[in-house]
Amino acid sequence: MIETLLGRKVGMTRVFDENAMEQPVTVLKMGPCWVVQKKTMAEDGYLAVQLGFENVSDKRVNQPNKGHFQKAGLDPCRFLREVRADAETLADLNVGDEVNVGIFHEGDIVAVTGTSKGRGFQGMMRRWNARGGPDGHGSMSHRKPGAIGMASYPGRVLKGKKLPGKMGNKRVTVKNLEVVQVDEANGHLVLLGAVPGPNGGLVVIKRLKEASKEG
């Protein structure tokens, strides 16, 4: 069975567990997705499934992609993503098949990948949670980074030095989120905790075989 699905973040709310304790959750609108192409070892050198999500007008699709969808017998999709699959999964799927939120179950542990909110150009205190300078009236560097150079050797600013710059708008993966509810009728998936990205942002969810120690 395929273990990955595309969707959009709806927003956050709360639920109450059996002990009447409040739990923060994120609601996601997952799928439906369609199998657009199957990648095989003989033709492509690896095993994968190409999923399409969210139908879009023909006017918003270029000619090569339009022919790609016509070959699959599907309407054009806004998003295309490849997900790894084993030989057994490929044998069970056919081009044109629909995959929905029903592949997940309550209690599953998943990893969610999205694009974090863009915060623009930010200083060190917000971007890196730096302490900042003294708050006294005599200080001239309340929020400045301070000295960044070296003494005499190597006499330069090392690569990777934490400095002001663009914050956010990066690919982020959050692991070990638990599935709290699955609403197949509406295509909603409710996860315990926060998910990267703004409301309406694209997310990719993958079921984990076991909780990751890194998450």
C-alpha atoms as a PDB file:
ATOM      1  CA  MET A   1       0.000   0.000   0.000  1.00  0.00           C
ATOM      2  CA  ILE A   2       1.187   3.486  -0.820  1.00  0.00           C
ATOM      3  CA  GLU A   3       2.071   5.435   2.339  1.00  0.00           C
ATOM      4  CA  THR A   4       2.377   9.021   1.069  1.00  0.00           C
ATOM      5  CA  LEU A   5      -0.298  11.586   0.227  1.00  0.00           C
ATOM      6  CA  LEU A   6      -0.481  15.246  -0.832  1.00  0.00           C
ATOM      7  CA  GLY A   7      -2.821  17.841   0.593  1.00  0.00           C
ATOM      8  CA  ARG A   8      -3.233  21.315   2.020  1.00  0.00           C
ATOM      9  CA  LYS A   9      -3.101  22.674   5.537  1.00  0.00           C
ATOM     10  CA  VAL A  10      -6.500  23.931   6.735  1.00  0.00           C
ATOM     11  CA  GLY A  11      -5.556  25.315  10.147  1.00  0.00           C
ATOM     12  CA  MET A  12      -5.199  24.553  13.837  1.00  0.00           C
ATOM     13  CA  THR A  13      -7.831  23.853  16.464  1.00  0.00           C
ATOM     14  CA  ARG A  14      -8.153  21.737  19.618  1.00  0.00           C
ATOM     15  CA  VAL A  15      -9.644  18.451  20.723  1.00  0.00           C
ATOM     16  CA  PHE A  16     -10.137  16.838  24.124  1.00  0.00           C
ATOM     17  CA  ASP A  17      -8.828  13.388  25.010  1.00  0.00           C
ATOM     18  CA  GLU A  18     -10.451  10.772  27.236  1.00  0.00           C
ATOM     19  CA  ASN A  19      -9.133  12.594  30.315  1.00  0.00           C
ATOM     20  CA  ALA A  20     -10.747  15.881  29.222  1.00  0.00           C
ATOM     21  CA  MET A  21      -7.281  17.328  28.536  1.00  0.00           C
ATOM     22  CA  GLU A  22      -7.010  19.873  25.756  1.00  0.00           C
ATOM     23  CA  GLN A  23      -4.787  18.862  22.820  1.00  0.00           C
ATOM     24  CA  PRO A  24      -3.618  21.185  20.000  1.00  0.00           C
ATOM     25  CA  VAL A  25      -4.207  19.650  16.573  1.00  0.00           C
ATOM     26  CA  THR A  26      -3.794  20.579  12.924  1.00  0.00           C
ATOM     27  CA  VAL A  27      -6.514  19.869  10.354  1.00  0.00           C
ATOM     28  CA  LEU A  28      -5.360  18.906   6.850  1.00  0.00           C
ATOM     29  CA  LYS A  29      -7.346  18.447   3.649  1.00  0.00           C
ATOM     30  CA  MET A  30      -5.630  15.441   2.091  1.00  0.00           C
ATOM     31  CA  GLY A  31      -6.179  14.281  -1.468  1.00  0.00           C
ATOM     32  CA  PRO A  32      -7.675  12.921  -3.437  1.00  0.00           C
ATOM     33  CA  CYS A  33      -4.532  12.175  -5.428  1.00  0.00           C
ATOM     34  CA  TRP A  34      -4.243  10.275  -8.675  1.00  0.00           C
ATOM     35  CA  VAL A  35      -1.560   7.921  -9.953  1.00  0.00           C
ATOM     36  CA  VAL A  36      -0.169   9.724 -13.006  1.00  0.00           C
ATOM     37  CA  GLN A  37       2.831   7.487 -13.727  1.00  0.00           C
ATOM     38  CA  LYS A  38       4.637   4.433 -12.396  1.00  0.00           C
ATOM     39  CA  LYS A  39       8.435   4.406 -12.413  1.00  0.00           C
ATOM     40  CA  THR A  40       9.909   0.937 -12.921  1.00  0.00           C
ATOM     41  CA  MET A  41      13.396  -0.443 -12.588  1.00  0.00           C
ATOM     42  CA  ALA A  42      13.454  -1.581 -16.224  1.00  0.00           C
ATOM     43  CA  GLU A  43      12.499   1.781 -17.733  1.00  0.00           C
ATOM     44  CA  ASP A  44      13.652   4.330 -15.151  1.00  0.00           C
ATOM     45  CA  GLY A  45      16.201   2.556 -12.974  1.00  0.00           C
ATOM     46  CA  TYR A  46      14.218   2.998  -9.750  1.00  0.00           C
ATOM     47  CA  LEU A  47      10.784   2.304  -8.275  1.00  0.00           C
ATOM     48  CA  ALA A  48       8.407   5.192  -7.601  1.00  0.00           C
ATOM     49  CA  VAL A  49       4.871   6.445  -8.091  1.00  0.00           C
ATOM     50  CA  GLN A  50       4.064   9.883  -9.481  1.00  0.00           C
ATOM     51  CA  LEU A  51       1.056  11.420  -7.744  1.00  0.00           C
ATOM     52  CA  GLY A  52      -1.032  14.326  -9.006  1.00  0.00           C
ATOM     53  CA  PHE A  53      -3.033  16.559  -6.703  1.00  0.00           C
ATOM     54  CA  GLU A  54      -5.651  19.273  -7.230  1.00  0.00           C
ATOM     55  CA  ASN A  55      -7.157  19.595 -10.695  1.00  0.00           C
ATOM     56  CA  VAL A  56      -6.429  22.762 -12.620  1.00  0.00           C
ATOM     57  CA  SER A  57      -7.557  24.341 -15.890  1.00  0.00           C
ATOM     58  CA  ASP A  58      -5.855  23.303 -19.140  1.00  0.00           C
ATOM     59  CA  LYS A  59      -4.800  26.938 -19.617  1.00  0.00           C
ATOM     60  CA  ARG A  60      -2.474  26.695 -16.627  1.00  0.00           C
ATOM     61  CA  VAL A  61      -0.592  23.623 -17.917  1.00  0.00           C
ATOM     62  CA  ASN A  62       2.140  23.692 -20.559  1.00  0.00           C
ATOM     63  CA  GLN A  63       2.026  21.442 -23.596  1.00  0.00           C
ATOM     64  CA  PRO A  64       4.472  18.742 -22.386  1.00  0.00           C
ATOM     65  CA  ASN A  65       2.584  18.288 -19.104  1.00  0.00           C
ATOM     66  CA  LYS A  66      -0.746  18.396 -20.934  1.00  0.00           C
ATOM     67  CA  GLY A  67       0.363  15.456 -23.068  1.00  0.00           C
ATOM     68  CA  HIS A  68       1.651  13.703 -19.932  1.00  0.00           C
ATOM     69  CA  PHE A  69      -1.790  13.876 -18.316  1.00  0.00           C
ATOM     70  CA  GLN A  70      -3.574  12.909 -21.535  1.00  0.00           C
ATOM     71  CA  LYS A  71      -1.436   9.772 -21.749  1.00  0.00           C
ATOM     72  CA  ALA A  72      -2.550   8.864 -18.240  1.00  0.00           C
ATOM     73  CA  GLY A  73      -6.198   9.626 -19.083  1.00  0.00           C
ATOM     74  CA  LEU A  74      -6.420  12.229 -16.280  1.00  0.00           C
ATOM     75  CA  ASP A  75      -7.336  15.876 -15.976  1.00  0.00           C
ATOM     76  CA  PRO A  76      -4.346  18.204 -15.448  1.00  0.00           C
ATOM     77  CA  CYS A  77      -3.158  18.555 -11.853  1.00  0.00           C
ATOM     78  CA  ARG A  78      -1.599  21.561 -10.155  1.00  0.00           C
ATOM     79  CA  PHE A  79       1.001  19.503  -8.249  1.00  0.00           C
ATOM     80  CA  LEU A  80       3.081  16.483  -9.242  1.00  0.00           C
ATOM     81  CA  ARG A  81       5.241  14.623  -6.736  1.00  0.00           C
ATOM     82  CA  GLU A  82       7.156  11.354  -6.908  1.00  0.00           C
ATOM     83  CA  VAL A  83       7.136   9.030  -3.917  1.00  0.00           C
ATOM     84  CA  ARG A  84       9.240   5.925  -3.469  1.00  0.00           C
ATOM     85  CA  ALA A  85       7.422   2.605  -3.640  1.00  0.00           C
ATOM     86  CA  ASP A  86       8.313  -1.054  -3.569  1.00  0.00           C
ATOM     87  CA  ALA A  87       7.525  -3.605  -6.243  1.00  0.00           C
ATOM     88  CA  GLU A  88       4.468  -4.896  -4.375  1.00  0.00           C
ATOM     89  CA  THR A  89       2.958  -1.412  -4.174  1.00  0.00           C
ATOM     90  CA  LEU A  90       3.543  -0.807  -7.876  1.00  0.00           C
ATOM     91  CA  ALA A  91       1.827  -4.091  -8.723  1.00  0.00           C
ATOM     92  CA  ASP A  92      -1.269  -3.062  -6.731  1.00  0.00           C
ATOM     93  CA  LEU A  93      -1.564   0.377  -8.376  1.00  0.00           C
ATOM     94  CA  ASN A  94      -2.624   1.306 -11.886  1.00  0.00           C
ATOM     95  CA  VAL A  95      -2.282   4.603 -13.710  1.00  0.00           C
ATOM     96  CA  GLY A  96      -5.436   6.612 -13.065  1.00  0.00           C
ATOM     97  CA  ASP A  97      -6.145   5.105  -9.634  1.00  0.00           C
ATOM     98  CA  GLU A  98      -7.353   7.462  -6.915  1.00  0.00           C
ATOM     99  CA  VAL A  99      -5.613   7.561  -3.538  1.00  0.00           C
ATOM    100  CA  ASN A 100      -7.403   9.255  -0.654  1.00  0.00           C
ATOM    101  CA  VAL A 101      -7.060   9.866   3.071  1.00  0.00           C
ATOM    102  CA  GLY A 102      -8.322   6.365   3.812  1.00  0.00           C
ATOM    103  CA  ILE A 103      -4.764   5.026   3.582  1.00  0.00           C
ATOM    104  CA  PHE A 104      -4.169   6.467   7.073  1.00  0.00           C
ATOM    105  CA  HIS A 105      -5.613   5.250  10.374  1.00  0.00           C
ATOM    106  CA  GLU A 106      -5.922   6.656  13.861  1.00  0.00           C
ATOM    107  CA  GLY A 107      -2.736   6.109  15.818  1.00  0.00           C
ATOM    108  CA  ASP A 108      -0.427   6.174  12.777  1.00  0.00           C
ATOM    109  CA  ILE A 109       2.867   8.037  13.187  1.00  0.00           C
ATOM    110  CA  VAL A 110       3.614  10.296  10.221  1.00  0.00           C
ATOM    111  CA  ALA A 111       6.148  12.808   8.925  1.00  0.00           C
ATOM    112  CA  VAL A 112       4.854  16.049   7.388  1.00  0.00           C
ATOM    113  CA  THR A 113       6.851  18.081   4.862  1.00  0.00           C
ATOM    114  CA  GLY A 114       5.914  21.643   3.965  1.00  0.00           C
ATOM    115  CA  THR A 115       7.350  25.078   3.221  1.00  0.00           C
ATOM    116  CA  SER A 116       7.772  27.256   6.292  1.00  0.00           C
ATOM    117  CA  LYS A 117       6.294  30.747   6.425  1.00  0.00           C
ATOM    118  CA  GLY A 118       8.523  33.398   4.859  1.00  0.00           C
ATOM    119  CA  ARG A 119       9.472  36.093   7.380  1.00  0.00           C
ATOM    120  CA  GLY A 120      11.586  38.240   5.078  1.00  0.00           C
ATOM    121  CA  PHE A 121      14.868  39.812   6.189  1.00  0.00           C
ATOM    122  CA  GLN A 122      15.293  39.512   9.954  1.00  0.00           C
ATOM    123  CA  GLY A 123      17.970  40.388  12.467  1.00  0.00           C
ATOM    124  CA  MET A 124      19.950  38.025  14.640  1.00  0.00           C
ATOM    125  CA  MET A 125      17.651  38.206  17.654  1.00  0.00           C
ATOM    126  CA  ARG A 126      14.599  36.983  15.800  1.00  0.00           C
ATOM    127  CA  ARG A 127      16.317  34.757  13.263  1.00  0.00           C
ATOM    128  CA  TRP A 128      18.677  32.954  15.650  1.00  0.00           C
ATOM    129  CA  ASN A 129      17.193  33.788  19.067  1.00  0.00           C
ATOM    130  CA  ALA A 130      20.321  35.756  19.997  1.00  0.00           C
ATOM    131  CA  ARG A 131      20.535  37.383  23.404  1.00  0.00           C
ATOM    132  CA  GLY A 132      21.239  40.929  22.177  1.00  0.00           C
ATOM    133  CA  GLY A 133      23.218  43.700  23.824  1.00  0.00           C
ATOM    134  CA  PRO A 134      22.670  45.514  27.129  1.00  0.00           C
ATOM    135  CA  ASP A 135      19.345  47.286  27.611  1.00  0.00           C
ATOM    136  CA  GLY A 136      20.824  50.219  29.537  1.00  0.00           C
ATOM    137  CA  HIS A 137      20.561  53.783  28.227  1.00  0.00           C
ATOM    138  CA  GLY A 138      24.296  53.992  27.665  1.00  0.00           C
ATOM    139  CA  SER A 139      24.382  51.009  25.301  1.00  0.00           C
ATOM    140  CA  MET A 140      24.727  51.718  21.588  1.00  0.00           C
ATOM    141  CA  SER A 141      24.062  48.151  20.398  1.00  0.00           C
ATOM    142  CA  HIS A 142      20.793  46.811  21.747  1.00  0.00           C
ATOM    143  CA  ARG A 143      20.037  44.489  18.815  1.00  0.00           C
ATOM    144  CA  LYS A 144      23.295  44.499  16.850  1.00  0.00           C
ATOM    145  CA  PRO A 145      25.224  41.242  16.248  1.00  0.00           C
ATOM    146  CA  GLY A 146      28.354  42.537  17.907  1.00  0.00           C
ATOM    147  CA  ALA A 147      31.881  41.626  16.784  1.00  0.00           C
ATOM    148  CA  ILE A 148      31.938  38.941  14.088  1.00  0.00           C
ATOM    149  CA  GLY A 149      35.587  39.084  12.996  1.00  0.00           C
ATOM    150  CA  MET A 150      38.546  37.024  14.195  1.00  0.00           C
ATOM    151  CA  ALA A 151      41.505  38.209  16.275  1.00  0.00           C
ATOM    152  CA  SER A 152      44.532  37.605  14.088  1.00  0.00           C
ATOM    153  CA  TYR A 153      43.965  34.165  12.634  1.00  0.00           C
ATOM    154  CA  PRO A 154      42.287  33.252  10.344  1.00  0.00           C
ATOM    155  CA  GLY A 155      41.379  36.934  10.065  1.00  0.00           C
ATOM    156  CA  ARG A 156      38.034  36.489   8.322  1.00  0.00           C
ATOM    157  CA  VAL A 157      34.382  35.699   8.979  1.00  0.00           C
ATOM    158  CA  LEU A 158      33.925  31.942   8.936  1.00  0.00           C
ATOM    159  CA  LYS A 159      31.307  30.376   6.680  1.00  0.00           C
ATOM    160  CA  GLY A 160      28.096  29.511   8.481  1.00  0.00           C
ATOM    161  CA  LYS A 161      28.351  32.387  10.942  1.00  0.00           C
ATOM    162  CA  LYS A 162      24.874  33.218  12.263  1.00  0.00           C
ATOM    163  CA  LEU A 163      24.050  36.671  10.887  1.00  0.00           C
ATOM    164  CA  PRO A 164      20.961  38.649   9.826  1.00  0.00           C
ATOM    165  CA  GLY A 165      19.324  37.440   6.627  1.00  0.00           C
ATOM    166  CA  LYS A 166      16.220  35.956   5.045  1.00  0.00           C
ATOM    167  CA  MET A 167      14.184  33.860   7.449  1.00  0.00           C
ATOM    168  CA  GLY A 168      11.755  31.066   6.630  1.00  0.00           C
ATOM    169  CA  ASN A 169      10.418  29.986   3.221  1.00  0.00           C
ATOM    170  CA  LYS A 170      12.358  26.721   3.429  1.00  0.00           C
ATOM    171  CA  ARG A 171      11.464  23.072   3.116  1.00  0.00           C
ATOM    172  CA  VAL A 172      10.767  21.722   6.608  1.00  0.00           C
ATOM    173  CA  THR A 173       9.926  18.194   7.756  1.00  0.00           C
ATOM    174  CA  VAL A 174       8.315  17.491  11.127  1.00  0.00           C
ATOM    175  CA  LYS A 175       8.432  13.863  12.247  1.00  0.00           C
ATOM    176  CA  ASN A 176       6.583  11.736  14.802  1.00  0.00           C
ATOM    177  CA  LEU A 177       3.161  13.391  14.544  1.00  0.00           C
ATOM    178  CA  GLU A 178       0.268  11.171  15.571  1.00  0.00           C
ATOM    179  CA  VAL A 179      -2.939  10.809  13.550  1.00  0.00           C
ATOM    180  CA  VAL A 180      -5.832  11.695  15.879  1.00  0.00           C
ATOM    181  CA  GLN A 181      -8.796  11.522  13.501  1.00  0.00           C
ATOM    182  CA  VAL A 182      -9.477  10.398   9.931  1.00  0.00           C
ATOM    183  CA  ASP A 183     -12.568  11.828   8.202  1.00  0.00           C
ATOM    184  CA  GLU A 184     -12.857   9.999   4.888  1.00  0.00           C
ATOM    185  CA  ALA A 185     -16.183  11.657   4.016  1.00  0.00           C
ATOM    186  CA  ASN A 186     -14.612  15.124   3.940  1.00  0.00           C
ATOM    187  CA  GLY A 187     -11.026  14.082   3.233  1.00  0.00           C
ATOM    188  CA  HIS A 188      -9.772  15.572   6.494  1.00  0.00           C
ATOM    189  CA  LEU A 189      -6.829  14.327   8.535  1.00  0.00           C
ATOM    190  CA  VAL A 190      -6.288  15.593  12.084  1.00  0.00           C
ATOM    191  CA  LEU A 191      -2.754  15.466  13.494  1.00  0.00           C
ATOM    192  CA  LEU A 192      -1.576  16.067  17.037  1.00  0.00           C
ATOM    193  CA  GLY A 193       0.702  19.115  17.067  1.00  0.00           C
ATOM    194  CA  ALA A 194       1.781  21.786  14.599  1.00  0.00           C
ATOM    195  CA  VAL A 195       2.552  21.426  10.892  1.00  0.00           C
ATOM    196  CA  PRO A 196       4.968  23.666   8.932  1.00  0.00           C
ATOM    197  CA  GLY A 197       3.650  26.277   6.533  1.00  0.00           C
ATOM    198  CA  PRO A 198       0.725  28.706   6.288  1.00  0.00           C
ATOM    199  CA  ASN A 199      -2.953  27.800   6.075  1.00  0.00           C
ATOM    200  CA  GLY A 200      -3.599  26.629   2.537  1.00  0.00           C
ATOM    201  CA  GLY A 201       0.010  25.575   1.999  1.00  0.00           C
ATOM    202  CA  LEU A 202       0.940  22.320   0.287  1.00  0.00           C
ATOM    203  CA  VAL A 203       1.975  19.464   2.583  1.00  0.00           C
ATOM    204  CA  VAL A 204       3.226  15.948   1.924  1.00  0.00           C
ATOM    205  CA  ILE A 205       2.480  13.293   4.553  1.00  0.00           C
ATOM    206  CA  LYS A 206       4.309   9.982   4.832  1.00  0.00           C
ATOM    207  CA  ARG A 207       3.532   7.177   7.258  1.00  0.00           C
ATOM    208  CA  LEU A 208       6.491   6.122   9.381  1.00  0.00           C
ATOM    209  CA  LYS A 209       7.011   2.460  10.222  1.00  0.00           C
ATOM    210  CA  GLU A 210       8.194   3.511  13.675  1.00  0.00           C
ATOM    211  CA  ALA A 211       8.784   6.753  15.543  1.00  0.00           C
ATOM    212  CA  SER A 212      11.998   8.412  14.424  1.00  0.00           C
ATOM    213  CA  LYS A 213      14.610   9.011  17.118  1.00  0.00           C
ATOM    214  CA  GLU A 214      15.595  12.244  15.332  1.00  0.00           C
ATOM    215  CA  GLY A 215      12.081  13.738  15.553  1.00  0.00           C
END
